[in-house]
Amino acid sequence: MNPLISAKDTIWCVLILFVLGVLSCNGEEDEGDIAETTTLKVMLLDNPVSNQPFPGGYVILHGEDNRSVERSIRTDHTGVADFGDIGRTRATFTIAWEWTMFVRAWRQLRTFQNVRVGDTALYVFHYEGEVGDHIATIDVTLTGAPARTDSTVLLPFNWIQSYSDHNPLSEFRDVTIHDLHIQKNGKVSLLACAFEGPTVPGNLLTYGFLLDQEVVEGTEYEILIDQEPGSVNWRTEPSKTLSLLSAVGEYKGVTYPWEISVGEHISEGTLLYPAEFPMDHYWFHAYHEAGDLETGMTRLQTHKRYDKMPHTVGIEMPDYRLHHASYDDHKKRVSWSLSGQTEKDAVTLRIDILLDDETWTNWIVHMRPQVVEWTTVDLPSPIDEWVNPALGEAVTLSVSDYDACTSYDSYWKRLPDLMYSYEDLSRIYHGSYLVYQDLGNLASRIR
């Protein structure tokens, strides 16, 4: 028995999705929504699970040129860096932190360019070991699966059994329940699905579920999976072939991804789903890929929420296009051009740098959607030794548009909720568009 996605991987998948997400904007600053101030105070918190102050992190305030170092503060036990009155309502600042996991040093930087100043709390995602607490271990037996079943999946744990693993399709042993699987009422609900087909998972055949179960160590559950799925027709608008389409349901704060289609390269089809499982709402995630590793892989993404499963789903795809990306090593500047009429909230640049076999640096920069170049900001010691963009192993540009945002300012205002927290995301987040382009190694793009 193998976990399809571990608890830790599930969290990181969610984080990566929201870090790269996008929402709809009108391109104008919503001045009335955000009170102006000239004071800057930043609090670093370890992660949304424990929600504790993070000491030892760096907060670097850059000068009015958005590049030089004006002042740097290292957080103490309160996690706070208080710059006081900086004499302006906008500023660029960087947060940086590091930790060691699996013998490797992990260094993280986040730069927020030309944002409204004020009091801000940001998570640094510093985890000690597994994400989320281990609550209990259970066993689950499935009955009633059709004879032609090729694989079974147990949700929300994302554990899968297939014939290729030479394991009984009906038995899930030593399944670990973590706190991310626990509902708001302290209980757990189990959804089991039977699939047919050469891929894992394949086409949904039948399903079954148990709702609102008490969480007790060592419990043995039995699920009858004889219910036939419902169906919904979907198509992309305008027509674009998809490399991946996934559907995710949420019930009492817990997610259940029951259908993933990979590599079909089709623009319309029928999706089967567990119609009787009482989801509070549904998410559709669609991906279109173009390009190659030589010129840069580009991916368009659409994420859309429905409170009820519709009869048909029209997946609107953005018309973003990123091109002409290059890196000027002398000026330490990344530049690009962007076209497309789909509205935009922000541009994000991500650089992953492998300094040596034991040190990995990840740098993410948030910018206005009109920005078409970024010059590496100055950093104080010892952080300046963490980065060298020309050594970037993986460089990604993304453009985002969230339906909960109306501008770059509102994107920044909602950033801690949209991208750095798990609580009630669906309350404010209903859909997004994204394009991102994998630029590969920047050294290959030096001009």
Protein backbone atom coordinates (compact mmCIF):
# COMPACT_ATOMS: atom_id res chain seq x y z
CA MET A 1 0.00 0.00 0.00
CA ASN A 2 1.42 3.35 -1.01
CA PRO A 3 0.25 6.85 -0.15
CA LEU A 4 -0.61 8.67 -3.38
CA ILE A 5 0.30 11.96 -1.71
CA SER A 6 1.60 12.17 1.85
CA ALA A 7 0.20 14.63 4.38
CA LYS A 8 3.32 16.74 3.99
CA ASP A 9 3.12 16.69 0.19
CA THR A 10 -0.56 17.62 0.28
CA ILE A 11 0.15 20.73 2.30
CA TRP A 12 3.03 21.75 0.02
CA CYS A 13 0.80 21.19 -3.02
CA VAL A 14 -1.77 23.55 -1.53
CA LEU A 15 0.93 26.09 -0.66
CA ILE A 16 2.50 25.93 -4.12
CA LEU A 17 -1.00 26.34 -5.69
CA PHE A 18 -1.78 29.50 -3.70
CA VAL A 19 1.70 30.96 -4.00
CA LEU A 20 1.32 30.74 -7.78
CA GLY A 21 -2.42 31.56 -7.87
CA VAL A 22 -4.11 34.50 -9.60
CA LEU A 23 -7.40 36.57 -9.15
CA SER A 24 -9.43 39.11 -11.17
CA CYS A 25 -8.57 42.80 -10.97
CA ASN A 26 -9.58 45.99 -12.69
CA GLY A 27 -6.05 47.35 -12.97
CA GLU A 28 -6.71 50.37 -10.74
CA GLU A 29 -5.52 50.93 -7.17
CA ASP A 30 -8.31 50.72 -4.61
CA GLU A 31 -7.07 53.70 -2.57
CA GLY A 32 -10.21 53.87 -0.46
CA ASP A 33 -9.92 50.37 0.91
CA ILE A 34 -6.48 50.71 2.51
CA ALA A 35 -5.69 53.39 5.08
CA GLU A 36 -2.40 55.14 4.44
CA THR A 37 0.34 55.07 7.06
CA THR A 38 4.10 55.69 7.05
CA THR A 39 4.97 53.14 9.74
CA LEU A 40 6.22 49.63 8.99
CA LYS A 41 6.04 46.69 11.39
CA VAL A 42 6.47 43.08 10.24
CA MET A 43 5.77 40.02 12.38
CA LEU A 44 7.15 36.64 11.29
CA LEU A 45 5.20 33.54 12.35
CA ASP A 46 6.50 29.99 11.99
CA ASN A 47 3.55 28.35 10.20
CA PRO A 48 -0.25 28.26 10.17
CA VAL A 49 -0.30 25.04 12.24
CA SER A 50 1.46 26.24 15.40
CA ASN A 51 1.15 29.99 14.66
CA GLN A 52 4.10 30.96 16.87
CA PRO A 53 6.48 33.96 16.57
CA PHE A 54 9.59 33.16 14.54
CA PRO A 55 12.84 34.48 16.04
CA GLY A 56 16.07 34.80 14.08
CA GLY A 57 14.50 35.86 10.80
CA TYR A 58 15.70 38.87 8.83
CA VAL A 59 13.54 41.76 7.61
CA ILE A 60 15.36 44.09 5.22
CA LEU A 61 13.87 47.48 4.34
CA HIS A 62 15.12 48.68 0.96
CA GLY A 63 15.64 52.32 0.02
CA GLU A 64 13.39 54.49 -2.10
CA ASP A 65 15.18 53.11 -5.16
CA ASN A 66 13.61 49.71 -4.24
CA ARG A 67 17.06 48.12 -4.30
CA SER A 68 19.57 49.47 -1.72
CA VAL A 69 19.52 48.41 1.94
CA GLU A 70 18.08 51.12 4.17
CA ARG A 71 17.87 49.11 7.37
CA SER A 72 17.86 45.47 8.47
CA ILE A 73 16.32 44.01 11.64
CA ARG A 74 16.64 40.46 12.94
CA THR A 75 13.56 39.25 14.81
CA ASP A 76 13.77 38.33 18.50
CA HIS A 77 11.49 36.04 20.53
CA THR A 78 8.47 38.19 19.58
CA GLY A 79 9.06 37.64 15.85
CA VAL A 80 8.62 41.40 15.28
CA ALA A 81 10.70 43.80 13.18
CA ASP A 82 9.48 47.34 13.96
CA PHE A 83 10.93 50.02 11.67
CA GLY A 84 8.72 52.79 13.05
CA ASP A 85 7.98 55.80 10.83
CA ILE A 86 9.86 55.37 7.54
CA GLY A 87 8.55 58.61 6.03
CA ARG A 88 6.71 57.10 3.05
CA THR A 89 3.54 55.11 2.41
CA ARG A 90 5.11 52.53 0.08
CA ALA A 91 8.25 50.48 0.37
CA THR A 92 10.07 47.40 -0.81
CA PHE A 93 11.21 44.93 1.81
CA THR A 94 12.59 41.40 1.97
CA ILE A 95 12.18 38.71 4.60
CA ALA A 96 14.76 35.93 4.91
CA TRP A 97 15.20 32.88 7.11
CA GLU A 98 16.94 29.51 7.15
CA TRP A 99 16.74 26.12 8.77
CA THR A 100 18.25 22.67 8.42
CA MET A 101 16.24 19.60 7.41
CA PHE A 102 17.51 16.24 6.16
CA VAL A 103 21.12 17.48 6.48
CA ARG A 104 20.45 20.23 3.92
CA ALA A 105 20.42 23.96 4.70
CA TRP A 106 17.22 25.58 3.42
CA ARG A 107 17.31 29.33 2.87
CA GLN A 108 14.22 31.30 1.95
CA LEU A 109 13.76 34.88 0.76
CA ARG A 110 10.54 36.76 -0.05
CA THR A 111 10.69 40.24 -1.57
CA PHE A 112 7.59 42.46 -1.68
CA GLN A 113 8.10 45.32 -4.12
CA ASN A 114 6.49 48.74 -3.70
CA VAL A 115 3.72 47.67 -1.29
CA ARG A 116 1.65 49.74 1.14
CA VAL A 117 3.36 49.86 4.52
CA GLY A 118 1.68 49.14 7.86
CA ASP A 119 1.43 46.22 10.28
CA THR A 120 1.90 42.89 8.48
CA ALA A 121 2.10 39.27 9.70
CA LEU A 122 3.75 36.72 7.38
CA TYR A 123 4.33 32.98 7.73
CA VAL A 124 7.79 31.62 6.99
CA PHE A 125 6.68 27.95 6.74
CA HIS A 126 9.31 26.67 9.14
CA TYR A 127 8.28 23.10 9.93
CA GLU A 128 9.93 20.62 12.23
CA GLY A 129 9.42 17.26 10.54
CA GLU A 130 5.99 16.20 9.28
CA VAL A 131 3.42 18.90 8.54
CA GLY A 132 0.58 18.52 10.99
CA ASP A 133 0.28 16.35 14.07
CA HIS A 134 -0.24 12.59 13.87
CA ILE A 135 -3.64 11.99 15.44
CA ALA A 136 -4.31 8.25 15.00
CA THR A 137 -3.62 5.14 12.89
CA ILE A 138 -6.54 3.16 11.44
CA ASP A 139 -7.33 0.20 9.15
CA VAL A 140 -9.94 0.32 6.37
CA THR A 141 -11.53 -2.54 4.42
CA LEU A 142 -13.50 -1.98 1.22
CA THR A 143 -16.34 -4.23 0.05
CA GLY A 144 -18.51 -4.32 -3.07
CA ALA A 145 -15.94 -3.15 -5.62
CA PRO A 146 -16.68 -4.21 -9.23
CA ALA A 147 -14.71 -7.17 -10.61
CA ARG A 148 -13.03 -4.98 -13.23
CA THR A 149 -11.52 -2.64 -10.62
CA ASP A 150 -7.84 -1.89 -11.28
CA SER A 151 -7.16 0.44 -8.36
CA THR A 152 -8.77 1.89 -5.26
CA VAL A 153 -8.22 5.22 -3.52
CA LEU A 154 -8.95 6.18 0.07
CA LEU A 155 -9.66 9.86 0.77
CA PRO A 156 -8.93 12.31 2.31
CA PHE A 157 -5.64 10.48 2.94
CA ASN A 158 -4.85 10.07 -0.79
CA TRP A 159 -3.77 6.47 -0.29
CA ILE A 160 -3.94 4.22 -3.33
CA GLN A 161 -3.93 0.46 -3.97
CA SER A 162 -3.31 -1.01 -7.40
CA TYR A 163 -2.60 -4.43 -8.91
CA SER A 164 0.86 -3.22 -9.86
CA ASP A 165 1.69 -2.98 -6.14
CA HIS A 166 0.64 -6.62 -5.65
CA ASN A 167 -1.52 -5.56 -2.69
CA PRO A 168 -5.17 -6.44 -2.01
CA LEU A 169 -7.29 -3.66 -3.48
CA SER A 170 -9.74 -3.91 -0.60
CA GLU A 171 -7.34 -3.44 2.31
CA PHE A 172 -5.73 -0.26 3.63
CA ARG A 173 -3.59 -0.92 6.68
CA ASP A 174 -1.89 1.51 9.07
CA VAL A 175 -3.44 4.61 7.52
CA THR A 176 -2.25 7.69 9.41
CA ILE A 177 -4.70 10.44 10.30
CA HIS A 178 -3.13 13.90 10.63
CA ASP A 179 -4.73 17.08 11.84
CA LEU A 180 -5.32 18.28 8.27
CA HIS A 181 -7.73 15.30 7.86
CA ILE A 182 -9.81 16.33 10.88
CA GLN A 183 -13.01 18.27 10.28
CA LYS A 184 -14.00 21.42 12.11
CA ASN A 185 -16.19 19.28 14.40
CA GLY A 186 -13.25 17.06 15.39
CA LYS A 187 -14.43 14.05 13.36
CA VAL A 188 -13.24 12.40 10.15
CA SER A 189 -15.12 11.35 6.99
CA LEU A 190 -13.86 8.62 4.67
CA LEU A 191 -14.43 8.47 0.89
CA ALA A 192 -13.33 5.38 -1.05
CA CYS A 193 -13.32 5.06 -4.84
CA ALA A 194 -12.82 2.17 -7.30
CA PHE A 195 -11.17 2.92 -10.64
CA GLU A 196 -10.74 1.12 -13.95
CA GLY A 197 -8.01 1.74 -16.49
CA PRO A 198 -4.29 1.56 -17.17
CA THR A 199 -3.52 4.82 -15.36
CA VAL A 200 -3.58 5.17 -11.58
CA PRO A 201 -6.16 6.30 -10.76
CA GLY A 202 -8.21 5.59 -13.88
CA ASN A 203 -11.92 6.04 -14.62
CA LEU A 204 -14.19 6.19 -11.59
CA LEU A 205 -16.40 3.08 -11.39
CA THR A 206 -18.05 3.18 -7.96
CA TYR A 207 -17.57 4.79 -4.58
CA GLY A 208 -18.74 4.70 -0.98
CA PHE A 209 -18.24 6.73 2.18
CA LEU A 210 -18.58 7.06 5.94
CA LEU A 211 -19.46 10.47 7.36
CA ASP A 212 -18.50 12.12 10.65
CA GLN A 213 -16.69 9.24 12.32
CA GLU A 214 -15.11 9.51 15.76
CA VAL A 215 -11.31 9.48 15.62
CA VAL A 216 -10.05 6.59 17.76
CA GLU A 217 -6.62 4.95 17.58
CA GLY A 218 -6.70 1.46 16.04
CA THR A 219 -10.26 1.68 14.69
CA GLU A 220 -11.14 -0.70 11.86
CA TYR A 221 -13.56 0.75 9.31
CA GLU A 222 -15.52 -1.05 6.59
CA ILE A 223 -16.83 0.87 3.55
CA LEU A 224 -19.26 -0.51 0.96
CA ILE A 225 -18.26 1.03 -2.41
CA ASP A 226 -21.21 0.16 -4.65
CA GLN A 227 -22.60 3.61 -5.50
CA GLU A 228 -22.44 4.70 -9.14
CA PRO A 229 -20.90 8.12 -9.84
CA GLY A 230 -22.58 11.19 -11.23
CA SER A 231 -21.25 12.92 -14.34
CA VAL A 232 -20.63 16.47 -15.51
CA ASN A 233 -19.64 17.62 -18.99
CA TRP A 234 -16.81 20.15 -19.31
CA ARG A 235 -15.07 22.13 -22.03
CA THR A 236 -12.46 24.86 -22.21
CA GLU A 237 -13.41 28.38 -23.39
CA PRO A 238 -11.79 29.34 -25.72
CA SER A 239 -10.91 25.83 -26.81
CA LYS A 240 -7.49 24.76 -25.49
CA THR A 241 -6.26 21.24 -24.97
CA LEU A 242 -5.54 20.36 -21.35
CA SER A 243 -2.58 18.40 -20.05
CA LEU A 244 -4.27 17.97 -16.68
CA LEU A 245 -7.73 18.43 -15.18
CA SER A 246 -8.41 17.78 -11.53
CA ALA A 247 -11.53 18.09 -9.42
CA VAL A 248 -11.49 18.56 -5.66
CA GLY A 249 -14.34 18.62 -3.18
CA GLU A 250 -14.33 20.09 0.31
CA TYR A 251 -16.39 18.84 3.25
CA LYS A 252 -16.26 20.57 6.63
CA GLY A 253 -12.84 22.03 5.92
CA VAL A 254 -11.22 18.84 4.53
CA THR A 255 -10.34 18.35 0.84
CA TYR A 256 -11.13 15.26 -1.28
CA PRO A 257 -9.42 15.13 -4.73
CA TRP A 258 -11.30 12.29 -6.41
CA GLU A 259 -10.49 12.75 -10.11
CA ILE A 260 -7.23 13.56 -11.87
CA SER A 261 -6.83 13.25 -15.65
CA VAL A 262 -3.25 13.55 -16.88
CA GLY A 263 -1.86 13.79 -20.39
CA GLU A 264 -5.17 13.52 -22.27
CA HIS A 265 -4.61 16.68 -24.38
CA ILE A 266 -8.32 17.16 -24.94
CA SER A 267 -10.48 20.30 -24.76
CA GLU A 268 -13.77 18.76 -23.63
CA GLY A 269 -15.04 15.64 -21.95
CA THR A 270 -17.04 14.10 -19.12
CA LEU A 271 -15.90 13.97 -15.52
CA LEU A 272 -17.28 11.36 -13.09
CA TYR A 273 -17.65 12.28 -9.43
CA PRO A 274 -19.08 10.91 -6.14
CA ALA A 275 -22.44 12.68 -6.40
CA GLU A 276 -23.92 11.58 -3.05
CA PHE A 277 -20.95 12.60 -0.93
CA PRO A 278 -22.18 15.92 0.57
CA MET A 279 -19.42 18.31 -0.51
CA ASP A 280 -19.73 21.89 0.71
CA HIS A 281 -18.20 23.08 -2.55
CA TYR A 282 -16.11 21.90 -5.50
CA TRP A 283 -12.93 23.09 -7.19
CA PHE A 284 -11.87 22.53 -10.79
CA HIS A 285 -8.18 22.94 -11.65
CA ALA A 286 -7.27 23.01 -15.37
CA TYR A 287 -3.77 23.15 -16.91
CA HIS A 288 -2.63 23.82 -20.48
CA GLU A 289 1.07 23.41 -21.29
CA ALA A 290 3.07 24.61 -24.29
CA GLY A 291 6.73 24.94 -25.20
CA ASP A 292 9.67 22.77 -24.27
CA LEU A 293 12.65 22.68 -21.94
CA GLU A 294 14.84 24.49 -24.46
CA THR A 295 12.63 27.54 -25.05
CA GLY A 296 10.88 27.47 -21.68
CA MET A 297 7.78 25.59 -20.67
CA THR A 298 4.66 27.77 -20.30
CA ARG A 299 1.60 26.69 -18.34
CA LEU A 300 -1.81 28.36 -18.28
CA GLN A 301 -3.94 27.55 -15.26
CA THR A 302 -7.55 28.14 -14.27
CA HIS A 303 -8.96 27.44 -10.81
CA LYS A 304 -12.72 27.77 -10.27
CA ARG A 305 -14.97 27.08 -7.29
CA TYR A 306 -18.62 25.98 -7.38
CA ASP A 307 -20.89 25.78 -4.34
CA LYS A 308 -22.88 23.06 -6.12
CA MET A 309 -21.80 20.78 -8.93
CA PRO A 310 -23.15 22.33 -12.16
CA HIS A 311 -24.64 20.34 -15.05
CA THR A 312 -21.87 21.59 -17.34
CA VAL A 313 -18.57 23.32 -16.62
CA GLY A 314 -17.12 25.96 -18.92
CA ILE A 315 -13.44 26.35 -18.10
CA GLU A 316 -12.33 29.83 -19.09
CA MET A 317 -8.65 29.90 -20.00
CA PRO A 318 -6.58 33.11 -19.76
CA ASP A 319 -4.80 34.56 -22.80
CA TYR A 320 -1.60 35.51 -20.96
CA ARG A 321 1.67 35.11 -22.78
CA LEU A 322 5.13 35.58 -21.29
CA HIS A 323 8.02 35.85 -23.72
CA HIS A 324 11.46 37.34 -24.43
CA ALA A 325 12.78 36.52 -20.97
CA SER A 326 16.51 37.14 -20.45
CA TYR A 327 19.08 37.84 -17.75
CA ASP A 328 21.71 40.61 -17.80
CA ASP A 329 24.49 39.31 -15.58
CA HIS A 330 26.30 42.68 -15.54
CA LYS A 331 23.22 44.58 -14.32
CA LYS A 332 21.89 41.61 -12.31
CA ARG A 333 18.56 42.10 -14.04
CA VAL A 334 15.85 39.73 -15.25
CA SER A 335 13.59 41.13 -17.99
CA TRP A 336 10.56 39.84 -19.88
CA SER A 337 7.51 40.94 -21.85
CA LEU A 338 3.88 40.10 -21.24
CA SER A 339 0.85 40.16 -23.54
CA GLY A 340 -2.81 39.20 -23.19
CA GLN A 341 -6.07 40.89 -22.25
CA THR A 342 -6.91 38.85 -19.15
CA GLU A 343 -6.74 41.10 -16.08
CA LYS A 344 -3.77 40.85 -13.76
CA ASP A 345 -3.05 41.37 -10.06
CA ALA A 346 0.66 40.65 -9.75
CA VAL A 347 3.81 39.29 -11.35
CA THR A 348 5.88 36.80 -9.37
CA LEU A 349 9.46 35.75 -9.99
CA ARG A 350 10.76 32.60 -8.32
CA ILE A 351 14.41 31.55 -8.34
CA ASP A 352 15.66 28.26 -6.88
CA ILE A 353 19.42 28.24 -6.34
CA LEU A 354 21.50 25.19 -5.47
CA LEU A 355 24.68 26.68 -4.05
CA ASP A 356 26.17 23.28 -3.27
CA ASP A 357 25.01 19.76 -2.51
CA GLU A 358 23.88 20.76 0.99
CA THR A 359 22.54 24.29 0.55
CA TRP A 360 19.34 25.28 -1.28
CA THR A 361 18.01 28.84 -1.62
CA ASN A 362 14.49 29.74 -2.73
CA TRP A 363 13.70 33.38 -3.58
CA ILE A 364 10.21 34.67 -4.48
CA VAL A 365 9.58 38.27 -5.56
CA HIS A 366 6.10 39.85 -5.72
CA MET A 367 5.68 42.79 -8.13
CA ARG A 368 3.05 44.94 -9.81
CA PRO A 369 1.57 43.42 -13.01
CA GLN A 370 2.96 46.27 -15.13
CA VAL A 371 6.57 45.41 -14.17
CA VAL A 372 8.66 43.90 -16.98
CA GLU A 373 12.07 43.72 -15.32
CA TRP A 374 13.58 43.14 -11.92
CA THR A 375 17.05 44.03 -10.69
CA THR A 376 18.46 41.97 -7.83
CA VAL A 377 18.07 43.92 -4.59
CA ASP A 378 21.03 44.52 -2.31
CA LEU A 379 21.18 42.30 0.75
CA PRO A 380 23.12 42.65 4.02
CA SER A 381 25.61 40.09 5.30
CA PRO A 382 25.27 37.13 5.68
CA ILE A 383 22.21 36.96 3.39
CA ASP A 384 24.14 38.33 0.41
CA GLU A 385 26.08 35.05 0.38
CA TRP A 386 22.88 33.02 0.00
CA VAL A 387 22.07 34.07 -3.56
CA ASN A 388 23.49 34.23 -7.06
CA PRO A 389 20.69 34.44 -9.64
CA ALA A 390 22.98 33.22 -12.42
CA LEU A 391 23.19 29.90 -10.58
CA GLY A 392 19.41 29.50 -10.55
CA GLU A 393 18.59 25.83 -11.18
CA ALA A 394 14.91 26.63 -11.76
CA VAL A 395 13.49 30.06 -12.56
CA THR A 396 9.77 30.70 -12.94
CA LEU A 397 7.83 33.81 -13.93
CA SER A 398 4.12 33.91 -13.16
CA VAL A 399 1.23 36.32 -13.64
CA SER A 400 -1.81 36.07 -11.41
CA ASP A 401 -5.42 37.24 -11.29
CA TYR A 402 -7.60 36.47 -8.22
CA ASP A 403 -11.34 37.05 -8.07
CA ALA A 404 -10.94 38.24 -4.47
CA CYS A 405 -8.59 41.07 -5.52
CA THR A 406 -9.11 44.23 -7.53
CA SER A 407 -5.52 45.48 -7.83
CA TYR A 408 -1.94 44.97 -6.71
CA ASP A 409 -2.77 46.81 -3.49
CA SER A 410 -5.65 44.50 -2.63
CA TYR A 411 -3.49 41.53 -3.64
CA TRP A 412 -0.91 42.66 -1.09
CA LYS A 413 -3.63 43.30 1.52
CA ARG A 414 -4.98 39.76 1.10
CA LEU A 415 -1.63 38.05 0.58
CA PRO A 416 -1.32 36.70 4.15
CA ASP A 417 -4.80 35.14 3.89
CA LEU A 418 -4.66 33.96 0.28
CA MET A 419 -1.17 32.55 0.26
CA TYR A 420 0.04 32.14 3.82
CA SER A 421 -2.91 30.71 5.72
CA TYR A 422 -5.28 27.73 5.50
CA GLU A 423 -8.27 29.14 7.37
CA ASP A 424 -11.46 29.77 5.40
CA LEU A 425 -9.68 30.31 2.09
CA SER A 426 -12.84 29.38 0.23
CA ARG A 427 -14.72 32.19 1.96
CA ILE A 428 -12.77 34.82 0.02
CA TYR A 429 -11.26 32.84 -2.85
CA HIS A 430 -13.51 31.60 -5.66
CA GLY A 431 -11.31 31.43 -8.73
CA SER A 432 -8.07 32.41 -10.36
CA TYR A 433 -6.09 32.56 -13.58
CA LEU A 434 -2.38 31.98 -13.93
CA VAL A 435 0.38 31.76 -16.45
CA TYR A 436 3.85 30.72 -15.49
CA GLN A 437 6.91 30.09 -17.58
CA ASP A 438 9.76 27.88 -16.52
CA LEU A 439 12.88 29.69 -17.67
CA GLY A 440 15.26 26.91 -16.64
CA ASN A 441 18.76 28.05 -15.73
CA LEU A 442 19.26 31.81 -15.96
CA ALA A 443 22.89 31.30 -16.93
CA SER A 444 21.63 29.99 -20.28
CA ARG A 445 19.77 33.26 -20.85
CA ILE A 446 22.61 35.70 -20.15
CA ARG A 447 22.70 38.39 -22.82
